[in-house]
Amino acid sequence: MLDQQINDWRSKSLGLPDASAIDQIRLRHDGTAINLTKTDGRWRIDGQGVQRASGEAVKDLIASANRLTITGFAADNPENLGLYGLDKPQLQLVIETPPSAPTGDDATTTAAVTHKLSIGRTDLRGSARYATWTRDGEQTLVVFTVNTSNADALARSVDDLRDPRVVVASPQDVRELKVQRAGETTLHVIRDPQAGYRFGDPRPGFEIDYSTSHDLIQQLCDLEAATYTTALKDLGEPTAEVTLGMTTGDGDVNFNVYGDGDNLTLVNRGEGVGYVVQADKLRTLLGPPLGLRKRTVMDVTPDQITRVVLKRPDGVTYEFTHVTDGPETGWRLTGQQRFEDKSFDSLLGSLGPLRAQAWLPTHSSNPSASIELTLDATGQPQQVLTVAPDTRVASLNDIDMAFTLPQPVVDLLNAEYRDRTAIDLNVDQIQSVRVANDSTDITVSRDGQRFVSDRGEVDQAVAAGVFDALAGLRVQRYVAPLHPRPQDIDFSVELTTSDGETRTLRLIDSGGDAVTVSLDPQGDRDYARWFTLDREVVARLRAPLTETQTPIK
């Protein structure tokens, strides 16, 4: 112990107070001075007008200061602070803790304390900075070093410390939303805790959508600035005035909207900073009430639906009927013993109820290449839905306005509902596979647990992929028969089952998103099937089965 120096006994941490015990912070660096004051538990940035600071950002600043660890001691009460760059510190953090009030029988109070951290230049190695840490009444000024990267982490800008939230409110506390433009009310929404949302005056003449209205209020309460501006005099006249009536005692929230480009500036009344946000985030708020129109266009439940007829532009018609009596009840597809029942269940789920994605201000006529859905439901009149699959524009026979549907719904309306299993075999039932085109003709057979061929050593993984792709082969959709010439066929795949039966696929690649395939009939009562296959499946069938095989084009 006697051999140790005094520096060995000194604390290596600063021991700053917790952010909750601080009521004033002054941060100065690079010629910028930031003053933070806490009032009623909320931090603000002192300046012209109220500028809210983020409590989390202030807490992180103090935490960063507390992470500073003293790496060495340089001097006590040095005569020349300029040697360490501390006569004019590059960064200075001053925090003040308020005096404590007397409690209980203890009548003593704790005086306010000022803590000051000053950081100067780097040392000769550049890995550390000289610094001092003082508190009121301390007699010794100790110069020490701290890690450079940790010290530089304290250099926060004003924007780093701002509260990015435009509206400090919770959605459940909002009772009213009003938007005025050019002195006219363009949107007025009232929230009733019991009945939900409704339009206030002026009423637009249609019902409000609960989900969209709730999302709008939630979006406003979650809205955060991308950047900030304090040049409020340059903003000109507001393009809109927004009022949020609150149920809490803090009063209503009012902010003005400036600009009409890709970015808008929002200024809360009484605050000295503008919050710059993307205009797209305020599209529903500043748009017409049509954006909040009730979006449920077909108000049925799946158990009410009794019949569905789908007519596709390619001439295919599906008629589904719900059978309620007889030995087998449930849904049937006319003309088919089996169908894609899981996909159809998804379709029923999307129809009951059916919601529009957006309303179109003008009625759009559907082109001839449209999907037509006719739906019968218990206790409701027949409804006819027409949808253009490329634009998703839809119309309903009892709705006065066109609308768009979500892409997943359009995909279900345009799906293949006939049984998509073209080859109903498991992999163990396939004995051999022959792949042939102009330059390749190879047959791979199963020999126990291996695949063999007379054309060389078989790549076992590739062969297994081919057999797996053919077993239970699933089509994308069925298409009308083509009339190909021999040179149009890219390659053919012939599989032989363990029972000696053969199935032949002929693939025609026209360069589109899918490959058209024909499957020869199986038996006298069968017919040739034409369908498309996913390119990923086709790629597995094209892969060379041996090292000597020429890749199929």
Protein backbone atom coordinates (compact mmCIF):
# COMPACT_ATOMS: atom_id res chain seq x y z
CA MET A 1 0.00 0.00 0.00
CA LEU A 2 2.83 2.39 0.83
CA ASP A 3 4.27 1.85 -2.67
CA GLN A 4 1.04 3.03 -4.38
CA GLN A 5 0.66 6.57 -5.74
CA ILE A 6 -2.25 8.91 -4.99
CA ASN A 7 -3.57 8.47 -8.52
CA ASP A 8 -4.01 4.76 -7.84
CA TRP A 9 -6.59 5.67 -5.20
CA ARG A 10 -8.53 8.18 -7.26
CA SER A 11 -11.93 7.33 -8.71
CA LYS A 12 -11.89 6.63 -12.47
CA SER A 13 -15.55 7.59 -12.98
CA LEU A 14 -17.15 11.04 -12.89
CA GLY A 15 -20.22 10.04 -10.90
CA LEU A 16 -22.69 12.39 -12.60
CA PRO A 17 -26.17 12.59 -11.10
CA ASP A 18 -29.02 10.81 -12.83
CA ALA A 19 -30.98 12.77 -15.44
CA SER A 20 -34.05 12.72 -13.18
CA ALA A 21 -32.13 14.76 -10.58
CA ILE A 22 -31.09 17.49 -13.04
CA ASP A 23 -33.11 20.56 -13.96
CA GLN A 24 -30.67 22.55 -16.12
CA ILE A 25 -28.08 21.59 -18.72
CA ARG A 26 -25.78 23.81 -20.75
CA LEU A 27 -23.85 22.25 -23.61
CA ARG A 28 -21.33 24.22 -25.67
CA HIS A 29 -19.20 22.94 -28.54
CA ASP A 30 -18.00 24.19 -31.94
CA GLY A 31 -19.35 27.66 -31.17
CA THR A 32 -22.85 26.34 -30.47
CA ALA A 33 -24.47 26.88 -27.08
CA ILE A 34 -27.52 24.83 -26.07
CA ASN A 35 -29.48 25.53 -22.89
CA LEU A 36 -31.91 22.92 -21.60
CA THR A 37 -34.35 23.52 -18.75
CA LYS A 38 -36.75 21.09 -17.10
CA THR A 39 -40.10 22.48 -16.00
CA ASP A 40 -42.88 20.32 -14.56
CA GLY A 41 -40.93 17.23 -15.58
CA ARG A 42 -40.61 18.27 -19.24
CA TRP A 43 -37.44 19.42 -20.95
CA ARG A 44 -37.35 22.46 -23.23
CA ILE A 45 -34.67 24.14 -25.30
CA ASP A 46 -34.36 27.78 -24.27
CA GLY A 47 -34.75 30.11 -27.22
CA GLN A 48 -37.34 32.18 -29.01
CA GLY A 49 -40.65 30.50 -28.29
CA VAL A 50 -41.14 27.10 -26.70
CA GLN A 51 -38.92 24.39 -28.19
CA ARG A 52 -39.53 20.94 -26.80
CA ALA A 53 -36.59 18.70 -26.00
CA SER A 54 -36.73 14.92 -25.92
CA GLY A 55 -36.52 13.44 -22.46
CA GLU A 56 -34.96 10.31 -23.96
CA ALA A 57 -32.34 12.35 -25.81
CA VAL A 58 -31.44 14.24 -22.61
CA LYS A 59 -31.22 10.96 -20.70
CA ASP A 60 -28.93 9.54 -23.38
CA LEU A 61 -26.70 12.65 -23.21
CA ILE A 62 -26.21 12.22 -19.46
CA ALA A 63 -25.69 8.49 -19.91
CA SER A 64 -22.97 9.20 -22.49
CA ALA A 65 -21.25 11.53 -20.01
CA ASN A 66 -21.48 8.86 -17.33
CA ARG A 67 -19.81 6.39 -19.68
CA LEU A 68 -16.65 8.52 -19.66
CA THR A 69 -13.87 6.67 -17.87
CA ILE A 70 -10.70 8.41 -16.72
CA THR A 71 -7.76 6.77 -18.52
CA GLY A 72 -5.02 8.74 -16.75
CA PHE A 73 -4.23 11.81 -14.58
CA ALA A 74 -2.16 14.65 -16.04
CA ALA A 75 -1.92 17.43 -13.42
CA ASP A 76 -3.45 18.99 -10.28
CA ASN A 77 -4.15 22.75 -10.33
CA PRO A 78 -1.96 23.42 -13.38
CA GLU A 79 -0.75 26.98 -13.87
CA ASN A 80 -1.38 26.96 -17.61
CA LEU A 81 -4.62 25.32 -18.77
CA GLY A 82 -3.73 26.27 -22.33
CA LEU A 83 -1.25 23.38 -22.41
CA TYR A 84 -4.25 21.05 -22.35
CA GLY A 85 -6.61 23.11 -24.50
CA LEU A 86 -8.73 23.76 -21.40
CA ASP A 87 -8.44 27.56 -21.36
CA LYS A 88 -10.92 27.50 -24.24
CA PRO A 89 -12.51 24.03 -24.04
CA GLN A 90 -13.65 22.41 -27.26
CA LEU A 91 -16.68 21.05 -25.41
CA GLN A 92 -18.23 21.99 -22.09
CA LEU A 93 -21.14 20.33 -20.32
CA VAL A 94 -22.64 22.11 -17.30
CA ILE A 95 -25.44 20.49 -15.32
CA GLU A 96 -27.30 21.83 -12.32
CA THR A 97 -29.20 19.90 -9.68
CA PRO A 98 -31.90 21.83 -7.81
CA PRO A 99 -31.90 22.26 -4.00
CA SER A 100 -33.84 19.66 -2.08
CA ALA A 101 -36.75 20.69 0.15
CA PRO A 102 -36.86 19.57 3.82
CA THR A 103 -38.91 16.44 4.47
CA GLY A 104 -40.28 14.94 7.70
CA ASP A 105 -38.44 15.73 10.92
CA ASP A 106 -35.25 16.48 9.02
CA ALA A 107 -35.35 20.23 8.41
CA THR A 108 -32.08 20.31 6.48
CA THR A 109 -31.99 21.18 2.81
CA THR A 110 -29.47 20.42 0.11
CA ALA A 111 -28.20 23.38 -1.87
CA ALA A 112 -28.23 23.50 -5.65
CA VAL A 113 -25.05 22.07 -7.14
CA THR A 114 -23.36 22.97 -10.43
CA HIS A 115 -21.24 20.32 -12.15
CA LYS A 116 -18.95 21.25 -15.02
CA LEU A 117 -17.19 18.95 -17.48
CA SER A 118 -14.65 20.59 -19.79
CA ILE A 119 -12.92 18.74 -22.62
CA GLY A 120 -9.83 20.11 -24.33
CA ARG A 121 -7.38 18.98 -27.00
CA THR A 122 -6.19 15.47 -27.74
CA ASP A 123 -2.96 14.13 -26.29
CA LEU A 124 0.10 13.40 -28.44
CA ARG A 125 -1.15 9.91 -29.31
CA GLY A 126 -4.56 11.21 -30.37
CA SER A 127 -6.45 8.46 -28.58
CA ALA A 128 -7.40 10.53 -25.51
CA ARG A 129 -8.55 14.06 -24.67
CA TYR A 130 -7.65 16.20 -21.69
CA ALA A 131 -10.57 17.08 -19.46
CA THR A 132 -11.58 18.50 -16.07
CA TRP A 133 -14.57 17.77 -13.87
CA THR A 134 -15.55 20.21 -11.12
CA ARG A 135 -18.32 20.65 -8.60
CA ASP A 136 -19.19 23.61 -6.40
CA GLY A 137 -16.66 24.11 -3.60
CA GLU A 138 -13.95 21.78 -4.88
CA GLN A 139 -10.44 23.12 -4.18
CA THR A 140 -8.40 21.00 -6.56
CA LEU A 141 -8.67 21.22 -10.32
CA VAL A 142 -7.62 17.83 -11.67
CA VAL A 143 -6.67 17.43 -15.33
CA PHE A 144 -7.18 13.91 -16.60
CA THR A 145 -7.61 12.09 -19.90
CA VAL A 146 -10.65 10.33 -21.35
CA ASN A 147 -11.15 8.21 -24.45
CA THR A 148 -11.46 10.43 -27.56
CA SER A 149 -14.40 8.60 -29.14
CA ASN A 150 -16.39 8.68 -25.87
CA ALA A 151 -15.68 12.39 -25.46
CA ASP A 152 -16.69 13.20 -29.05
CA ALA A 153 -19.99 11.36 -28.48
CA LEU A 154 -21.11 14.27 -26.27
CA ALA A 155 -21.13 16.70 -29.21
CA ARG A 156 -24.89 16.84 -29.77
CA SER A 157 -26.65 19.35 -32.01
CA VAL A 158 -29.85 21.16 -31.13
CA ASP A 159 -31.77 18.89 -33.51
CA ASP A 160 -30.29 15.83 -31.80
CA LEU A 161 -31.91 16.95 -28.55
CA ARG A 162 -35.30 17.99 -29.89
CA ASP A 163 -38.50 16.06 -29.28
CA PRO A 164 -39.31 14.86 -32.84
CA ARG A 165 -43.01 14.35 -32.10
CA VAL A 166 -45.23 16.92 -33.78
CA VAL A 167 -48.16 16.16 -31.50
CA VAL A 168 -47.67 15.23 -27.85
CA ALA A 169 -50.90 13.31 -27.32
CA SER A 170 -52.32 9.81 -27.09
CA PRO A 171 -54.96 8.66 -29.63
CA GLN A 172 -57.39 7.69 -26.87
CA ASP A 173 -57.32 11.28 -25.56
CA VAL A 174 -58.36 12.84 -28.89
CA ARG A 175 -62.09 13.62 -28.98
CA GLU A 176 -62.22 15.76 -32.13
CA LEU A 177 -60.21 16.54 -35.25
CA LYS A 178 -60.85 19.59 -37.38
CA VAL A 179 -59.01 20.83 -40.46
CA GLN A 180 -59.60 24.28 -41.95
CA ARG A 181 -58.29 25.54 -45.26
CA ALA A 182 -58.88 29.09 -46.54
CA GLY A 183 -61.33 29.63 -43.68
CA GLU A 184 -63.46 26.60 -44.62
CA THR A 185 -63.68 23.36 -42.66
CA THR A 186 -62.54 20.57 -44.99
CA LEU A 187 -62.53 17.73 -42.46
CA HIS A 188 -64.33 17.33 -39.15
CA VAL A 189 -64.17 14.06 -37.25
CA ILE A 190 -65.72 13.50 -33.82
CA ARG A 191 -64.79 10.55 -31.64
CA ASP A 192 -67.41 9.10 -29.36
CA PRO A 193 -65.95 6.59 -26.87
CA GLN A 194 -69.18 4.57 -27.10
CA ALA A 195 -70.21 4.89 -30.75
CA GLY A 196 -66.80 5.30 -32.40
CA TYR A 197 -66.10 7.94 -35.05
CA ARG A 198 -68.53 10.11 -37.00
CA PHE A 199 -68.37 13.12 -39.27
CA GLY A 200 -69.11 16.51 -37.77
CA ASP A 201 -70.38 19.55 -39.66
CA PRO A 202 -70.14 19.91 -42.57
CA ARG A 203 -71.16 16.29 -43.12
CA PRO A 204 -70.09 14.85 -46.50
CA GLY A 205 -73.14 12.63 -47.06
CA PHE A 206 -71.58 9.20 -46.52
CA GLU A 207 -70.59 7.10 -43.53
CA ILE A 208 -67.17 7.28 -41.94
CA ASP A 209 -64.74 4.36 -41.83
CA TYR A 210 -63.75 3.48 -38.28
CA SER A 211 -60.45 1.78 -39.11
CA THR A 212 -59.18 4.54 -41.42
CA SER A 213 -60.22 7.26 -38.95
CA HIS A 214 -58.47 5.50 -36.09
CA ASP A 215 -55.34 5.06 -38.22
CA LEU A 216 -55.38 8.78 -39.06
CA ILE A 217 -55.50 9.81 -35.40
CA GLN A 218 -52.80 7.26 -34.58
CA GLN A 219 -50.64 8.54 -37.44
CA LEU A 220 -50.91 12.12 -36.18
CA CYS A 221 -49.91 11.10 -32.67
CA ASP A 222 -46.96 9.10 -34.07
CA LEU A 223 -45.88 11.77 -36.58
CA GLU A 224 -42.21 12.74 -36.22
CA ALA A 225 -40.16 15.40 -37.95
CA ALA A 226 -37.51 14.54 -40.53
CA THR A 227 -35.81 17.93 -40.05
CA TYR A 228 -36.53 21.21 -38.26
CA THR A 229 -36.56 24.92 -38.98
CA THR A 230 -36.59 27.99 -36.74
CA ALA A 231 -36.99 30.47 -39.60
CA LEU A 232 -40.73 30.69 -39.01
CA LYS A 233 -41.07 34.19 -40.52
CA ASP A 234 -40.07 32.78 -43.90
CA LEU A 235 -42.93 30.29 -44.01
CA GLY A 236 -45.59 32.74 -45.18
CA GLU A 237 -49.28 32.06 -44.67
CA PRO A 238 -50.44 28.63 -43.49
CA THR A 239 -52.13 26.34 -46.00
CA ALA A 240 -54.15 24.60 -43.30
CA GLU A 241 -54.99 24.87 -39.61
CA VAL A 242 -55.44 21.68 -37.61
CA THR A 243 -57.09 21.36 -34.20
CA LEU A 244 -57.12 18.29 -32.00
CA GLY A 245 -59.69 18.55 -29.24
CA MET A 246 -58.42 16.70 -26.19
CA THR A 247 -60.18 15.07 -23.26
CA THR A 248 -57.24 15.78 -20.95
CA GLY A 249 -56.71 18.97 -19.01
CA ASP A 250 -53.71 20.08 -21.05
CA GLY A 251 -55.91 21.87 -23.57
CA ASP A 252 -56.41 21.42 -27.30
CA VAL A 253 -53.53 20.86 -29.68
CA ASN A 254 -53.32 23.35 -32.54
CA PHE A 255 -50.79 23.42 -35.35
CA ASN A 256 -50.52 25.16 -38.72
CA VAL A 257 -49.37 23.53 -41.94
CA TYR A 258 -47.13 25.45 -44.34
CA GLY A 259 -46.11 24.66 -47.91
CA ASP A 260 -47.59 22.50 -50.65
CA GLY A 261 -44.64 20.52 -52.08
CA ASP A 262 -43.09 17.18 -51.23
CA ASN A 263 -42.36 18.41 -47.69
CA LEU A 264 -44.61 20.34 -45.34
CA THR A 265 -43.73 22.32 -42.24
CA LEU A 266 -45.90 21.98 -39.14
CA VAL A 267 -45.77 24.59 -36.37
CA ASN A 268 -47.54 24.14 -33.06
CA ARG A 269 -49.02 27.39 -31.85
CA GLY A 270 -46.78 28.95 -29.21
CA GLU A 271 -43.71 26.96 -30.25
CA GLY A 272 -40.63 28.42 -31.89
CA VAL A 273 -39.73 25.54 -34.19
CA GLY A 274 -41.20 24.06 -37.36
CA TYR A 275 -41.39 20.30 -37.90
CA VAL A 276 -40.68 19.28 -41.49
CA VAL A 277 -42.48 16.09 -42.59
CA GLN A 278 -43.18 14.34 -45.87
CA ALA A 279 -46.37 15.52 -47.53
CA ASP A 280 -47.46 11.90 -48.20
CA LYS A 281 -47.89 11.38 -44.46
CA LEU A 282 -50.61 14.07 -44.40
CA ARG A 283 -52.41 13.07 -47.58
CA THR A 284 -55.51 11.76 -45.80
CA LEU A 285 -55.54 14.63 -43.29
CA LEU A 286 -55.38 17.40 -45.89
CA GLY A 287 -57.39 15.62 -48.58
CA PRO A 288 -61.16 15.58 -49.02
CA PRO A 289 -63.40 13.62 -46.58
CA LEU A 290 -63.66 10.93 -49.28
CA GLY A 291 -60.42 9.51 -47.90
CA LEU A 292 -62.30 8.56 -44.72
CA ARG A 293 -65.40 7.14 -46.40
CA LYS A 294 -66.51 3.76 -45.08
CA ARG A 295 -64.52 1.18 -47.03
CA THR A 296 -66.64 -1.91 -46.40
CA VAL A 297 -68.28 -2.34 -49.82
CA MET A 298 -69.61 -5.88 -49.35
CA ASP A 299 -70.84 -6.45 -45.82
CA VAL A 300 -71.22 -10.21 -45.63
CA THR A 301 -69.60 -12.96 -43.61
CA PRO A 302 -68.23 -16.18 -45.16
CA ASP A 303 -70.94 -18.30 -43.53
CA GLN A 304 -73.65 -16.20 -45.27
CA ILE A 305 -72.28 -16.84 -48.77
CA THR A 306 -74.12 -19.59 -50.66
CA ARG A 307 -72.92 -19.22 -54.27
CA VAL A 308 -69.94 -17.66 -56.03
CA VAL A 309 -69.46 -17.35 -59.79
CA LEU A 310 -66.11 -16.12 -61.16
CA LYS A 311 -65.73 -15.19 -64.82
CA ARG A 312 -62.19 -14.50 -65.96
CA PRO A 313 -61.10 -12.55 -69.06
CA ASP A 314 -59.61 -15.74 -70.57
CA GLY A 315 -63.10 -17.27 -70.76
CA VAL A 316 -62.78 -19.54 -67.74
CA THR A 317 -65.80 -19.61 -65.44
CA TYR A 318 -65.89 -21.05 -61.94
CA GLU A 319 -69.21 -21.72 -60.24
CA PHE A 320 -69.03 -22.63 -56.55
CA THR A 321 -72.14 -23.73 -54.71
CA HIS A 322 -72.59 -24.55 -51.06
CA VAL A 323 -74.30 -27.92 -50.56
CA THR A 324 -76.23 -28.15 -47.28
CA ASP A 325 -78.01 -31.50 -47.72
CA GLY A 326 -77.02 -34.98 -48.86
CA PRO A 327 -74.22 -37.29 -47.75
CA GLU A 328 -71.47 -34.72 -48.38
CA THR A 329 -72.02 -31.10 -47.44
CA GLY A 330 -69.75 -28.17 -48.17
CA TRP A 331 -68.51 -26.29 -51.21
CA ARG A 332 -68.46 -27.79 -54.71
CA LEU A 333 -66.91 -26.53 -57.94
CA THR A 334 -69.19 -27.32 -60.87
CA GLY A 335 -67.63 -29.78 -63.31
CA GLN A 336 -64.71 -30.69 -61.06
CA GLN A 337 -64.34 -33.51 -58.57
CA ARG A 338 -61.59 -31.68 -56.71
CA PHE A 339 -60.57 -28.04 -56.49
CA GLU A 340 -58.21 -25.79 -54.58
CA ASP A 341 -60.33 -25.57 -51.44
CA LYS A 342 -57.76 -23.73 -49.31
CA SER A 343 -57.40 -20.98 -51.90
CA PHE A 344 -61.18 -20.77 -52.12
CA ASP A 345 -61.43 -20.44 -48.33
CA SER A 346 -59.00 -17.52 -48.59
CA LEU A 347 -61.20 -15.97 -51.28
CA LEU A 348 -64.29 -16.30 -49.05
CA GLY A 349 -62.37 -14.68 -46.21
CA SER A 350 -61.45 -11.72 -48.40
CA LEU A 351 -65.03 -11.26 -49.60
CA GLY A 352 -66.71 -11.40 -46.23
CA PRO A 353 -66.51 -8.54 -45.64
CA LEU A 354 -64.85 -6.94 -48.69
CA ARG A 355 -63.05 -3.64 -48.09
CA ALA A 356 -61.90 -1.12 -50.67
CA GLN A 357 -58.32 0.06 -50.50
CA ALA A 358 -59.18 3.56 -51.76
CA TRP A 359 -62.07 5.44 -53.30
CA LEU A 360 -61.84 7.03 -56.76
CA PRO A 361 -63.37 10.51 -57.05
CA THR A 362 -64.65 9.80 -60.56
CA HIS A 363 -66.54 6.73 -61.70
CA SER A 364 -64.27 4.63 -63.91
CA SER A 365 -65.72 2.20 -66.38
CA ASN A 366 -64.17 -1.25 -66.29
CA PRO A 367 -62.47 -2.46 -69.48
CA SER A 368 -63.65 -5.57 -71.25
CA ALA A 369 -60.73 -7.59 -69.85
CA SER A 370 -62.19 -7.68 -66.36
CA ILE A 371 -62.94 -10.28 -63.75
CA GLU A 372 -66.62 -10.55 -62.85
CA LEU A 373 -67.71 -12.02 -59.54
CA THR A 374 -71.34 -12.77 -58.76
CA LEU A 375 -72.14 -13.47 -55.13
CA ASP A 376 -75.29 -14.79 -53.50
CA ALA A 377 -75.60 -14.49 -49.74
CA THR A 378 -78.36 -15.35 -47.30
CA GLY A 379 -80.64 -12.40 -46.57
CA GLN A 380 -78.94 -10.09 -49.10
CA PRO A 381 -79.55 -9.16 -52.75
CA GLN A 382 -77.23 -10.58 -55.39
CA GLN A 383 -74.05 -8.56 -55.79
CA VAL A 384 -71.90 -8.27 -58.89
CA LEU A 385 -68.28 -7.13 -58.56
CA THR A 386 -66.23 -6.18 -61.62
CA VAL A 387 -62.45 -5.76 -61.32
CA ALA A 388 -59.73 -4.83 -63.82
CA PRO A 389 -56.79 -7.06 -62.72
CA ASP A 390 -54.10 -4.73 -64.10
CA THR A 391 -55.30 -1.52 -62.38
CA ARG A 392 -57.28 -3.09 -59.48
CA VAL A 393 -60.12 -0.64 -60.25
CA ALA A 394 -63.43 -2.17 -59.22
CA SER A 395 -67.13 -1.40 -59.21
CA LEU A 396 -70.09 -2.96 -57.42
CA ASN A 397 -73.65 -2.95 -58.68
CA ASP A 398 -75.05 -1.14 -55.59
CA ILE A 399 -72.13 1.24 -54.93
CA ASP A 400 -72.20 4.72 -56.50
CA MET A 401 -68.44 5.13 -56.84
CA ALA A 402 -65.49 3.19 -58.21
CA PHE A 403 -62.75 2.04 -55.88
CA THR A 404 -59.52 0.06 -55.85
CA LEU A 405 -59.00 -3.30 -54.22
CA PRO A 406 -55.89 -4.54 -52.41
CA GLN A 407 -53.55 -6.57 -54.60
CA PRO A 408 -53.95 -9.77 -52.50
CA VAL A 409 -57.71 -9.70 -53.12
CA VAL A 410 -57.21 -9.23 -56.88
CA ASP A 411 -54.72 -12.11 -56.85
CA LEU A 412 -57.37 -14.36 -55.25
CA LEU A 413 -59.98 -13.29 -57.79
CA ASN A 414 -57.53 -14.13 -60.56
CA ALA A 415 -56.27 -17.41 -59.06
CA GLU A 416 -56.49 -20.93 -60.48
CA TYR A 417 -59.17 -22.90 -58.59
CA ARG A 418 -59.13 -26.15 -60.54
CA ASP A 419 -57.05 -28.88 -58.92
CA ARG A 420 -53.48 -27.72 -59.57
CA THR A 421 -51.88 -31.13 -58.98
CA ALA A 422 -51.02 -32.23 -62.52
CA ILE A 423 -49.10 -35.41 -61.58
CA ASP A 424 -50.65 -37.13 -58.59
CA LEU A 425 -47.69 -39.31 -57.61
CA ASN A 426 -45.29 -39.47 -54.71
CA VAL A 427 -41.57 -39.62 -55.36
CA ASP A 428 -41.29 -43.35 -54.55
CA GLN A 429 -43.72 -44.17 -57.37
CA ILE A 430 -41.43 -42.73 -60.05
CA GLN A 431 -39.01 -45.36 -61.37
CA SER A 432 -37.20 -43.43 -64.09
CA VAL A 433 -37.10 -40.04 -65.79
CA ARG A 434 -36.01 -39.33 -69.37
CA VAL A 435 -35.05 -35.77 -70.32
CA ALA A 436 -34.56 -35.04 -74.03
CA ASN A 437 -34.10 -32.24 -76.54
CA ASP A 438 -32.07 -31.76 -79.76
CA SER A 439 -28.72 -32.11 -77.97
CA THR A 440 -29.54 -34.19 -74.88
CA ASP A 441 -31.22 -37.52 -74.31
CA ILE A 442 -30.61 -39.03 -70.91
CA THR A 443 -32.55 -41.44 -68.73
CA VAL A 444 -32.01 -41.62 -64.98
CA SER A 445 -33.40 -44.60 -63.07
CA ARG A 446 -33.77 -45.43 -59.45
CA ASP A 447 -31.49 -48.21 -58.18
CA GLY A 448 -32.29 -48.73 -54.53
CA GLN A 449 -31.37 -45.50 -52.76
CA ARG A 450 -29.28 -44.21 -55.71
CA PHE A 451 -29.91 -42.77 -59.16
CA VAL A 452 -28.04 -44.30 -62.08
CA SER A 453 -27.69 -43.72 -65.84
CA ASP A 454 -25.80 -45.24 -68.75
CA ARG A 455 -24.59 -41.74 -69.69
CA GLY A 456 -22.17 -41.33 -66.81
CA GLU A 457 -22.09 -40.73 -63.07
CA VAL A 458 -25.33 -39.07 -61.93
CA ASP A 459 -25.32 -36.01 -59.73
CA GLN A 460 -27.42 -37.42 -56.90
CA ALA A 461 -28.66 -34.05 -55.59
CA VAL A 462 -29.75 -32.84 -59.05
CA ALA A 463 -31.50 -36.11 -59.82
CA ALA A 464 -33.33 -36.03 -56.50
CA GLY A 465 -34.44 -32.46 -57.36
CA VAL A 466 -35.86 -33.62 -60.71
CA PHE A 467 -37.76 -36.54 -59.15
CA ASP A 468 -39.08 -34.29 -56.35
CA ALA A 469 -40.19 -31.62 -58.85
CA LEU A 470 -42.20 -34.17 -60.86
CA ALA A 471 -43.81 -35.88 -57.86
CA GLY A 472 -47.02 -34.01 -57.11
CA LEU A 473 -46.22 -31.45 -59.84
CA ARG A 474 -48.20 -28.26 -59.19
CA VAL A 475 -49.19 -25.99 -62.08
CA GLN A 476 -49.50 -22.22 -62.00
CA ARG A 477 -52.70 -22.20 -64.01
CA TYR A 478 -54.33 -24.10 -66.83
CA VAL A 479 -54.35 -22.51 -70.29
CA ALA A 480 -55.92 -23.11 -73.67
CA PRO A 481 -54.18 -25.73 -75.85
CA LEU A 482 -51.46 -24.53 -78.18
CA HIS A 483 -50.54 -25.98 -81.58
CA PRO A 484 -46.74 -26.11 -81.41
CA ARG A 485 -44.40 -27.22 -84.15
CA PRO A 486 -41.71 -29.75 -83.21
CA GLN A 487 -39.06 -27.03 -83.21
CA ASP A 488 -41.13 -25.02 -80.70
CA ILE A 489 -40.67 -27.66 -78.00
CA ASP A 490 -37.61 -26.83 -75.89
CA PHE A 491 -37.40 -30.23 -74.24
CA SER A 492 -39.54 -33.08 -73.04
CA VAL A 493 -39.63 -35.02 -69.80
CA GLU A 494 -40.94 -38.58 -69.72
CA LEU A 495 -41.41 -40.32 -66.40
CA THR A 496 -42.11 -44.00 -65.91
CA THR A 497 -43.85 -45.23 -62.77
CA SER A 498 -43.08 -48.39 -60.85
CA ASP A 499 -46.27 -49.83 -62.47
CA GLY A 500 -44.88 -49.27 -65.96
CA GLU A 501 -47.10 -46.29 -66.85
CA THR A 502 -45.59 -43.27 -68.59
CA ARG A 503 -46.33 -39.54 -68.42
CA THR A 504 -44.81 -37.09 -70.89
CA LEU A 505 -44.34 -33.36 -70.42
CA ARG A 506 -43.44 -31.07 -73.34
CA LEU A 507 -42.15 -27.64 -72.41
CA ILE A 508 -42.44 -24.57 -74.62
CA ASP A 509 -40.55 -21.48 -73.46
CA SER A 510 -41.99 -18.34 -75.01
CA GLY A 511 -39.86 -16.01 -72.87
CA GLY A 512 -42.61 -14.84 -70.51
CA ASP A 513 -42.90 -15.10 -66.76
CA ALA A 514 -43.84 -18.77 -66.98
CA VAL A 515 -43.23 -21.78 -69.23
CA THR A 516 -46.14 -23.39 -71.06
CA VAL A 517 -46.35 -27.17 -70.69
CA SER A 518 -48.46 -29.94 -72.19
CA LEU A 519 -49.13 -33.22 -70.37
CA ASP A 520 -50.10 -36.18 -72.54
CA PRO A 521 -53.40 -37.88 -71.67
CA GLN A 522 -53.35 -40.90 -69.43
CA GLY A 523 -55.68 -43.54 -70.84
CA ASP A 524 -58.55 -43.28 -73.31
CA ARG A 525 -60.78 -41.26 -70.99
CA ASP A 526 -58.17 -38.65 -70.20
CA TYR A 527 -57.33 -35.54 -72.23
CA ALA A 528 -54.17 -33.52 -72.83
CA ARG A 529 -53.66 -30.83 -70.22
CA TRP A 530 -52.04 -27.47 -70.97
CA PHE A 531 -50.74 -25.31 -68.17
CA THR A 532 -47.94 -23.02 -67.08
CA LEU A 533 -45.12 -23.85 -64.69
CA ASP A 534 -43.10 -21.62 -62.43
CA ARG A 535 -39.62 -20.93 -63.80
CA GLU A 536 -38.03 -22.16 -60.59
CA VAL A 537 -39.58 -25.59 -61.16
CA VAL A 538 -38.48 -25.56 -64.80
CA ALA A 539 -34.92 -24.64 -63.75
CA ARG A 540 -34.76 -27.82 -61.66
CA LEU A 541 -35.86 -29.89 -64.67
CA ARG A 542 -33.23 -28.21 -66.89
CA ALA A 543 -30.27 -28.88 -64.57
CA PRO A 544 -27.57 -31.25 -66.01
CA LEU A 545 -27.92 -34.69 -64.43
CA THR A 546 -24.30 -35.70 -65.17
CA GLU A 547 -21.01 -33.85 -65.60
CA THR A 548 -20.89 -34.82 -69.27
CA GLN A 549 -24.44 -33.73 -70.07
CA THR A 550 -24.91 -30.59 -72.16
CA PRO A 551 -27.14 -28.12 -70.25
CA ILE A 552 -30.65 -27.94 -71.64
CA LYS A 553 -31.26 -24.58 -73.29
